Amino acid sequence: MSELVKFAILGCGHIGKRHAELVQKHPKSELVAIIDPIDKISLQIADFAVPHFKNLDDFLSSAIEVDVINICTPNGLHASQAVKCLMEGKNVIVEKPIALTTIETEAIKTATENSGKHVFPVVQNRYSPTVMWLKDIVSKGLLGEIFMVQLNCFWNRDDYYYTKESWHGTLLLDGGPLYTQFSHFIDVLYWIFGDIANLKAKFANFNHQHSTEFEDSGIVSFDFVNGGIGSINYSTSIYQSNFESSITVIAENGTVKIGGQYMNCVEYSHVKGTEQPVFPDELLMNNYGAYKGSASNHQSVIENVLDVLQNDGVADVSLEDGIKVVEMITRIYEFRKSNIQKGKVLV
């Protein structure tokens, strides 16, 4: 591999632009192309002085050398595009979720094994200081036995977000809020506390009956395989602005809550033998103008990719982790399918 790792960005919406900016700024990477069916002027990416391709096939058939393709397209396209890139001998960074079905994740896994290339799932919330702190105290056993964990995700998504011409709100390309808005936090839940079992779920669509093909709110309960019980409470029907993304832990040796709008602060910590941690008071979130998203730690994602490819480093997030998140959401959404089949209309 050359001294500079060469990247191409597939899909140049809000998050694709973020990837492009970070790649272009990094001294060890080079942006070589942008791939999007929309023209540069409309995308407002004229500042990226690299070739622009209308589709992936045209780019792959070009003579441009590339090491990594960043897949930042609508959710429902991630898996097929990842497989195509892998089979062309390219490493891929895949924005969350890596797929919308477990069948698709198996296709990615097979393509990875056959190609010998890397898949880097993007779950940048793992790099948030508060999340890393919680991971650390749980891993060290400072909390003792985990009794109960509650994940709350309460955000706002309005009609501006769910415009009729957008892929947002569709089952085929969006999949639902657990995929599009909250898969980051389900990844955090899995990363820190492990897998879940004995699921039950309930869904409702309060504000988006006219704009989505799925629920905007839900309650999920489960057992942790490692012990303890848990729940996920989520909604995109919050009035006007995002309210909270939080994890509350009730355990043998203490109680902890990391929260704020983007799980960016420690709201409560009373743990045996420890002091309240202190983190910089700053909002680390992706700002898309009309709405805001999860933590803005994509620079750490790019840095890890460069370390793996240039220094034989270890990936911070494995393909198996990305597959597990899709599998967990799929199991939750089996209840959604069941409710629809029983005539319990959710949308």
Protein backbone atom coordinates (compact mmCIF):
# COMPACT_ATOMS: atom_id res chain seq x y z
CA MET A 1 0.00 0.00 0.00
CA SER A 2 1.22 3.51 -0.78
CA GLU A 3 2.18 5.93 1.97
CA LEU A 4 -1.20 7.65 1.72
CA VAL A 5 -4.37 5.56 2.08
CA LYS A 6 -6.71 6.42 -0.78
CA PHE A 7 -10.42 6.87 -0.03
CA ALA A 8 -13.53 7.28 -2.16
CA ILE A 9 -16.85 8.44 -0.68
CA LEU A 10 -19.98 6.64 -1.86
CA GLY A 11 -22.99 8.85 -1.04
CA CYS A 12 -22.33 12.50 -0.29
CA GLY A 13 -25.21 13.62 1.89
CA HIS A 14 -24.62 15.11 5.34
CA ILE A 15 -22.59 12.22 6.71
CA GLY A 16 -20.77 11.56 3.45
CA LYS A 17 -19.52 15.15 3.46
CA ARG A 18 -18.27 14.63 7.00
CA HIS A 19 -16.28 11.58 5.85
CA ALA A 20 -14.89 13.48 2.88
CA GLU A 21 -13.80 16.43 5.00
CA LEU A 22 -12.00 14.24 7.53
CA VAL A 23 -10.24 12.18 4.87
CA GLN A 24 -9.14 15.31 3.03
CA LYS A 25 -7.77 16.89 6.22
CA HIS A 26 -5.81 13.88 7.46
CA PRO A 27 -2.09 13.92 6.53
CA LYS A 28 -2.03 10.13 5.98
CA SER A 29 -5.07 9.86 3.72
CA GLU A 30 -6.08 11.05 0.27
CA LEU A 31 -9.56 11.65 -1.12
CA VAL A 32 -9.58 10.35 -4.71
CA ALA A 33 -13.25 10.38 -5.72
CA ILE A 34 -16.84 11.10 -4.78
CA ILE A 35 -19.68 8.90 -5.99
CA ASP A 36 -23.24 10.21 -5.95
CA PRO A 37 -26.01 10.43 -8.57
CA ILE A 38 -26.58 14.10 -7.71
CA ASP A 39 -24.30 16.73 -9.25
CA LYS A 40 -21.62 18.54 -7.24
CA ILE A 41 -23.37 21.90 -7.31
CA SER A 42 -26.62 20.52 -5.89
CA LEU A 43 -24.68 18.56 -3.28
CA GLN A 44 -22.70 21.70 -2.40
CA ILE A 45 -19.41 19.81 -2.60
CA ALA A 46 -17.65 21.86 -5.27
CA ASP A 47 -14.76 22.40 -2.84
CA PHE A 48 -13.77 18.73 -3.16
CA ALA A 49 -11.45 18.89 -6.18
CA VAL A 50 -11.68 15.19 -7.04
CA PRO A 51 -13.47 13.26 -9.81
CA HIS A 52 -17.22 12.85 -9.36
CA PHE A 53 -18.92 9.67 -10.51
CA LYS A 54 -22.66 9.18 -10.87
CA ASN A 55 -22.64 5.54 -9.80
CA LEU A 56 -20.47 2.88 -8.19
CA ASP A 57 -20.04 0.79 -11.34
CA ASP A 58 -18.58 3.72 -13.25
CA PHE A 59 -16.10 4.38 -10.48
CA LEU A 60 -15.06 0.74 -10.13
CA SER A 61 -14.46 0.51 -13.87
CA SER A 62 -12.26 3.62 -13.82
CA ALA A 63 -8.49 3.54 -13.53
CA ILE A 64 -8.51 5.39 -10.20
CA GLU A 65 -6.58 3.58 -7.48
CA VAL A 66 -8.45 3.30 -4.19
CA ASP A 67 -7.88 1.44 -0.92
CA VAL A 68 -11.09 2.20 0.99
CA ILE A 69 -14.64 3.03 -0.08
CA ASN A 70 -16.76 4.79 2.53
CA ILE A 71 -20.39 3.69 2.16
CA CYS A 72 -22.60 6.59 3.28
CA THR A 73 -25.73 5.82 1.26
CA PRO A 74 -29.28 5.02 2.47
CA ASN A 75 -29.41 2.06 4.87
CA GLY A 76 -31.02 -0.36 2.46
CA LEU A 77 -28.14 -0.01 -0.03
CA HIS A 78 -25.29 -0.63 2.42
CA ALA A 79 -25.09 -4.42 2.15
CA SER A 80 -25.21 -4.83 -1.63
CA GLN A 81 -22.74 -1.99 -2.14
CA ALA A 82 -20.37 -3.37 0.51
CA VAL A 83 -20.42 -6.80 -1.14
CA LYS A 84 -19.70 -5.30 -4.57
CA CYS A 85 -16.78 -3.23 -3.27
CA LEU A 86 -15.30 -6.16 -1.34
CA MET A 87 -15.46 -8.45 -4.35
CA GLU A 88 -13.63 -5.76 -6.32
CA GLY A 89 -10.82 -5.99 -3.76
CA LYS A 90 -11.59 -2.80 -1.82
CA ASN A 91 -11.78 -2.29 1.92
CA VAL A 92 -14.99 -0.64 3.08
CA ILE A 93 -16.16 1.66 5.84
CA VAL A 94 -19.90 1.17 6.30
CA GLU A 95 -22.10 3.70 8.06
CA LYS A 96 -24.65 2.29 10.50
CA PRO A 97 -26.42 -0.02 10.12
CA ILE A 98 -24.25 -2.27 7.96
CA ALA A 99 -27.45 -3.93 6.67
CA LEU A 100 -31.19 -4.20 7.28
CA THR A 101 -31.42 -8.00 7.43
CA THR A 102 -29.38 -10.88 8.79
CA ILE A 103 -29.33 -12.43 5.31
CA GLU A 104 -27.53 -9.31 4.09
CA THR A 105 -25.02 -9.44 6.94
CA GLU A 106 -24.16 -13.02 6.02
CA ALA A 107 -23.53 -11.89 2.43
CA ILE A 108 -21.12 -9.23 3.69
CA LYS A 109 -19.35 -11.78 5.90
CA THR A 110 -18.94 -14.19 2.99
CA ALA A 111 -17.60 -11.44 0.73
CA THR A 112 -15.14 -10.40 3.42
CA GLU A 113 -13.85 -13.95 3.82
CA ASN A 114 -13.55 -14.46 0.07
CA SER A 115 -11.84 -11.13 -0.60
CA GLY A 116 -9.57 -10.94 2.42
CA LYS A 117 -10.49 -7.27 2.79
CA HIS A 118 -11.65 -5.31 5.85
CA VAL A 119 -15.11 -4.08 6.79
CA PHE A 120 -15.16 -1.21 9.27
CA PRO A 121 -18.64 -0.60 10.77
CA VAL A 122 -19.16 3.01 11.89
CA VAL A 123 -20.38 3.23 15.50
CA GLN A 124 -18.57 6.37 16.58
CA ASN A 125 -20.38 6.67 19.91
CA ARG A 126 -17.94 4.13 21.33
CA TYR A 127 -15.31 6.87 21.28
CA SER A 128 -17.32 9.25 23.48
CA PRO A 129 -15.51 9.79 26.81
CA THR A 130 -18.63 9.04 28.86
CA VAL A 131 -19.28 5.77 27.02
CA MET A 132 -15.64 4.72 27.34
CA TRP A 133 -15.77 5.49 31.06
CA LEU A 134 -18.88 3.35 31.56
CA LYS A 135 -17.33 0.53 29.55
CA ASP A 136 -14.24 0.73 31.76
CA ILE A 137 -15.99 0.57 35.13
CA VAL A 138 -18.24 -2.29 34.00
CA SER A 139 -15.32 -4.24 32.51
CA LYS A 140 -13.33 -3.83 35.71
CA GLY A 141 -16.25 -5.09 37.78
CA LEU A 142 -16.46 -1.91 39.86
CA LEU A 143 -20.26 -1.98 39.74
CA GLY A 144 -20.42 -5.61 40.80
CA GLU A 145 -23.45 -7.57 39.69
CA ILE A 146 -25.57 -5.70 37.15
CA PHE A 147 -29.22 -5.66 38.21
CA MET A 148 -30.94 -3.41 35.69
CA VAL A 149 -30.05 -1.31 32.64
CA GLN A 150 -32.35 1.21 30.97
CA LEU A 151 -31.58 2.76 27.58
CA ASN A 152 -33.65 5.85 26.73
CA CYS A 153 -33.52 7.47 23.28
CA PHE A 154 -35.91 10.40 22.91
CA TRP A 155 -35.35 12.49 19.78
CA ASN A 156 -37.26 14.72 17.39
CA ARG A 157 -37.72 13.97 13.71
CA ASP A 158 -40.28 16.16 11.94
CA ASP A 159 -41.82 16.51 8.49
CA TYR A 160 -38.73 18.29 7.20
CA TYR A 161 -36.77 15.11 7.86
CA TYR A 162 -39.42 12.80 6.42
CA THR A 163 -40.00 14.61 3.13
CA LYS A 164 -41.83 12.60 0.45
CA GLU A 165 -38.86 12.49 -1.91
CA SER A 166 -36.51 11.25 0.82
CA TRP A 167 -35.55 7.65 1.57
CA HIS A 168 -36.23 8.41 5.23
CA GLY A 169 -39.42 6.80 6.48
CA THR A 170 -39.42 3.83 4.10
CA LEU A 171 -39.12 0.22 5.19
CA LEU A 172 -36.99 -0.63 2.16
CA LEU A 173 -34.25 2.00 2.58
CA ASP A 174 -34.68 3.32 6.14
CA GLY A 175 -35.98 0.36 8.14
CA GLY A 176 -37.11 2.24 11.24
CA PRO A 177 -35.72 4.36 14.09
CA LEU A 178 -33.84 1.49 15.72
CA TYR A 179 -31.75 1.25 12.54
CA THR A 180 -31.49 4.89 11.50
CA GLN A 181 -31.51 6.89 14.74
CA PHE A 182 -30.71 4.53 17.59
CA SER A 183 -28.52 1.68 16.35
CA HIS A 184 -25.51 3.57 17.75
CA PHE A 185 -26.93 3.24 21.24
CA ILE A 186 -27.92 -0.40 20.82
CA ASP A 187 -24.29 -0.99 19.85
CA VAL A 188 -23.19 0.74 23.08
CA LEU A 189 -25.61 -1.45 25.05
CA TYR A 190 -24.22 -4.61 23.44
CA TRP A 191 -20.57 -3.49 23.69
CA ILE A 192 -20.80 -2.84 27.43
CA PHE A 193 -23.37 -5.36 28.69
CA GLY A 194 -23.47 -8.13 26.10
CA ASP A 195 -26.22 -9.94 24.25
CA ILE A 196 -29.91 -10.00 25.17
CA ALA A 197 -32.61 -12.68 25.30
CA ASN A 198 -36.31 -13.18 26.17
CA LEU A 199 -37.38 -10.07 24.28
CA LYS A 200 -40.78 -8.44 24.36
CA ALA A 201 -41.67 -5.29 22.45
CA LYS A 202 -44.49 -2.84 21.85
CA PHE A 203 -44.67 -0.13 19.18
CA ALA A 204 -46.74 2.94 18.33
CA ASN A 205 -46.77 5.66 15.69
CA PHE A 206 -47.90 8.92 17.30
CA ASN A 207 -46.79 11.74 14.99
CA HIS A 208 -45.68 10.17 11.72
CA GLN A 209 -48.63 8.18 10.36
CA HIS A 210 -48.57 10.33 7.20
CA SER A 211 -44.81 10.22 6.66
CA THR A 212 -43.37 6.82 7.70
CA GLU A 213 -44.02 3.15 7.07
CA PHE A 214 -43.07 2.19 10.62
CA GLU A 215 -43.32 3.15 14.26
CA ASP A 216 -41.96 6.34 15.80
CA SER A 217 -41.94 4.99 19.37
CA GLY A 218 -41.35 1.72 21.16
CA ILE A 219 -40.73 -0.09 24.43
CA VAL A 220 -38.52 -3.18 24.52
CA SER A 221 -37.81 -5.39 27.54
CA PHE A 222 -35.33 -8.24 27.80
CA ASP A 223 -32.88 -10.21 29.92
CA PHE A 224 -29.14 -9.89 29.53
CA VAL A 225 -27.43 -13.18 28.76
CA ASN A 226 -24.74 -12.21 31.29
CA GLY A 227 -27.35 -11.50 33.99
CA GLY A 228 -29.70 -8.67 34.84
CA ILE A 229 -32.72 -7.22 33.10
CA GLY A 230 -32.98 -4.32 30.70
CA SER A 231 -35.21 -2.12 28.60
CA ILE A 232 -35.07 0.21 25.62
CA ASN A 233 -37.51 3.12 25.49
CA TYR A 234 -37.36 5.23 22.35
CA SER A 235 -39.26 7.83 20.37
CA THR A 236 -38.80 10.29 17.53
CA SER A 237 -41.98 12.14 18.55
CA ILE A 238 -40.29 14.50 21.00
CA TYR A 239 -41.54 18.08 20.66
CA GLN A 240 -39.30 20.37 18.54
CA SER A 241 -35.82 19.14 19.55
CA ASN A 242 -33.88 16.11 20.74
CA PHE A 243 -34.32 15.49 24.46
CA GLU A 244 -32.24 12.60 25.74
CA SER A 245 -29.99 9.66 24.94
CA SER A 246 -29.15 7.92 28.19
CA ILE A 247 -28.14 4.70 29.90
CA THR A 248 -29.02 4.16 33.55
CA VAL A 249 -27.35 1.29 35.39
CA ILE A 250 -28.53 -0.08 38.73
CA ALA A 251 -25.99 -2.49 40.15
CA GLU A 252 -24.69 -4.17 43.30
CA ASN A 253 -22.06 -1.52 44.04
CA GLY A 254 -23.60 1.60 42.61
CA THR A 255 -25.89 3.53 40.33
CA VAL A 256 -24.83 5.39 37.21
CA LYS A 257 -26.51 7.45 34.50
CA ILE A 258 -24.79 8.79 31.40
CA GLY A 259 -27.11 11.07 29.48
CA GLY A 260 -27.71 14.45 27.96
CA GLN A 261 -29.02 14.83 24.43
CA TYR A 262 -26.24 12.68 22.98
CA MET A 263 -25.07 10.53 25.90
CA ASN A 264 -22.34 13.13 26.33
CA CYS A 265 -22.34 13.70 30.10
CA VAL A 266 -22.38 11.82 33.39
CA GLU A 267 -25.64 12.83 35.03
CA TYR A 268 -25.24 10.63 38.10
CA SER A 269 -22.50 8.44 39.54
CA HIS A 270 -22.54 6.86 42.97
CA VAL A 271 -20.19 3.89 42.81
CA LYS A 272 -18.50 2.25 45.77
CA GLY A 273 -14.88 3.38 46.12
CA THR A 274 -14.93 5.85 43.22
CA GLU A 275 -15.41 9.57 42.70
CA GLN A 276 -17.67 11.38 40.25
CA PRO A 277 -15.81 11.59 36.92
CA VAL A 278 -15.35 14.96 35.26
CA PHE A 279 -15.47 15.41 31.48
CA PRO A 280 -15.30 18.54 29.30
CA ASP A 281 -18.71 20.17 29.03
CA GLU A 282 -19.12 20.07 25.26
CA LEU A 283 -21.69 18.71 22.85
CA LEU A 284 -20.05 16.17 20.58
CA MET A 285 -22.80 15.68 18.02
CA ASN A 286 -23.24 15.76 14.26
CA ASN A 287 -25.01 18.98 13.33
CA TYR A 288 -26.98 18.74 10.09
CA GLY A 289 -28.55 22.19 10.35
CA ALA A 290 -32.24 21.23 10.45
CA TYR A 291 -31.60 18.39 12.90
CA LYS A 292 -28.81 16.88 14.98
CA GLY A 293 -27.56 13.33 15.30
CA SER A 294 -25.22 11.15 17.33
CA ALA A 295 -21.74 11.88 18.62
CA SER A 296 -19.35 13.41 16.12
CA ASN A 297 -16.33 11.15 16.60
CA HIS A 298 -15.78 10.11 12.99
CA GLN A 299 -12.18 11.32 13.15
CA SER A 300 -11.49 8.40 15.49
CA VAL A 301 -13.05 6.00 12.98
CA ILE A 302 -10.77 7.27 10.19
CA GLU A 303 -7.76 7.16 12.51
CA ASN A 304 -8.43 3.52 13.40
CA VAL A 305 -8.84 2.54 9.74
CA LEU A 306 -5.49 4.13 8.92
CA ASP A 307 -3.85 2.31 11.83
CA VAL A 308 -5.20 -1.05 10.69
CA LEU A 309 -4.19 -0.59 7.06
CA GLN A 310 -0.82 1.12 7.59
CA ASN A 311 0.40 -0.40 10.85
CA ASP A 312 -1.42 -3.76 11.04
CA GLY A 313 -3.38 -2.37 13.99
CA VAL A 314 -6.51 -3.92 15.46
CA ALA A 315 -9.94 -2.70 14.39
CA ASP A 316 -11.81 -1.03 17.24
CA VAL A 317 -15.12 -2.35 15.89
CA SER A 318 -15.31 -5.77 14.29
CA LEU A 319 -17.59 -6.90 11.50
CA GLU A 320 -19.08 -9.32 14.01
CA ASP A 321 -20.07 -6.35 16.19
CA GLY A 322 -21.85 -4.74 13.26
CA ILE A 323 -23.60 -8.01 12.47
CA LYS A 324 -24.70 -8.45 16.09
CA VAL A 325 -26.39 -5.03 16.20
CA VAL A 326 -28.38 -5.84 13.06
CA GLU A 327 -29.30 -9.22 14.52
CA MET A 328 -30.51 -7.64 17.78
CA ILE A 329 -32.65 -5.07 15.98
CA THR A 330 -34.01 -7.76 13.67
CA ARG A 331 -35.15 -9.79 16.68
CA ILE A 332 -36.85 -6.74 18.15
CA TYR A 333 -38.58 -5.94 14.88
CA GLU A 334 -39.91 -9.48 14.60
CA PHE A 335 -42.51 -8.25 17.10
CA ARG A 336 -43.38 -5.43 14.72
CA LYS A 337 -43.97 -7.90 11.90
CA SER A 338 -46.04 -10.09 14.20
CA ASN A 339 -48.25 -7.19 15.23
CA ILE A 340 -48.88 -6.21 11.61
CA GLN A 341 -49.76 -9.78 10.70
CA LYS A 342 -52.23 -9.90 13.57
CA GLY A 343 -53.92 -6.77 12.28
CA LYS A 344 -52.57 -4.46 14.99
CA VAL A 345 -51.97 -1.43 12.80
CA LEU A 346 -48.91 0.56 13.84
CA VAL A 347 -48.60 3.03 10.99
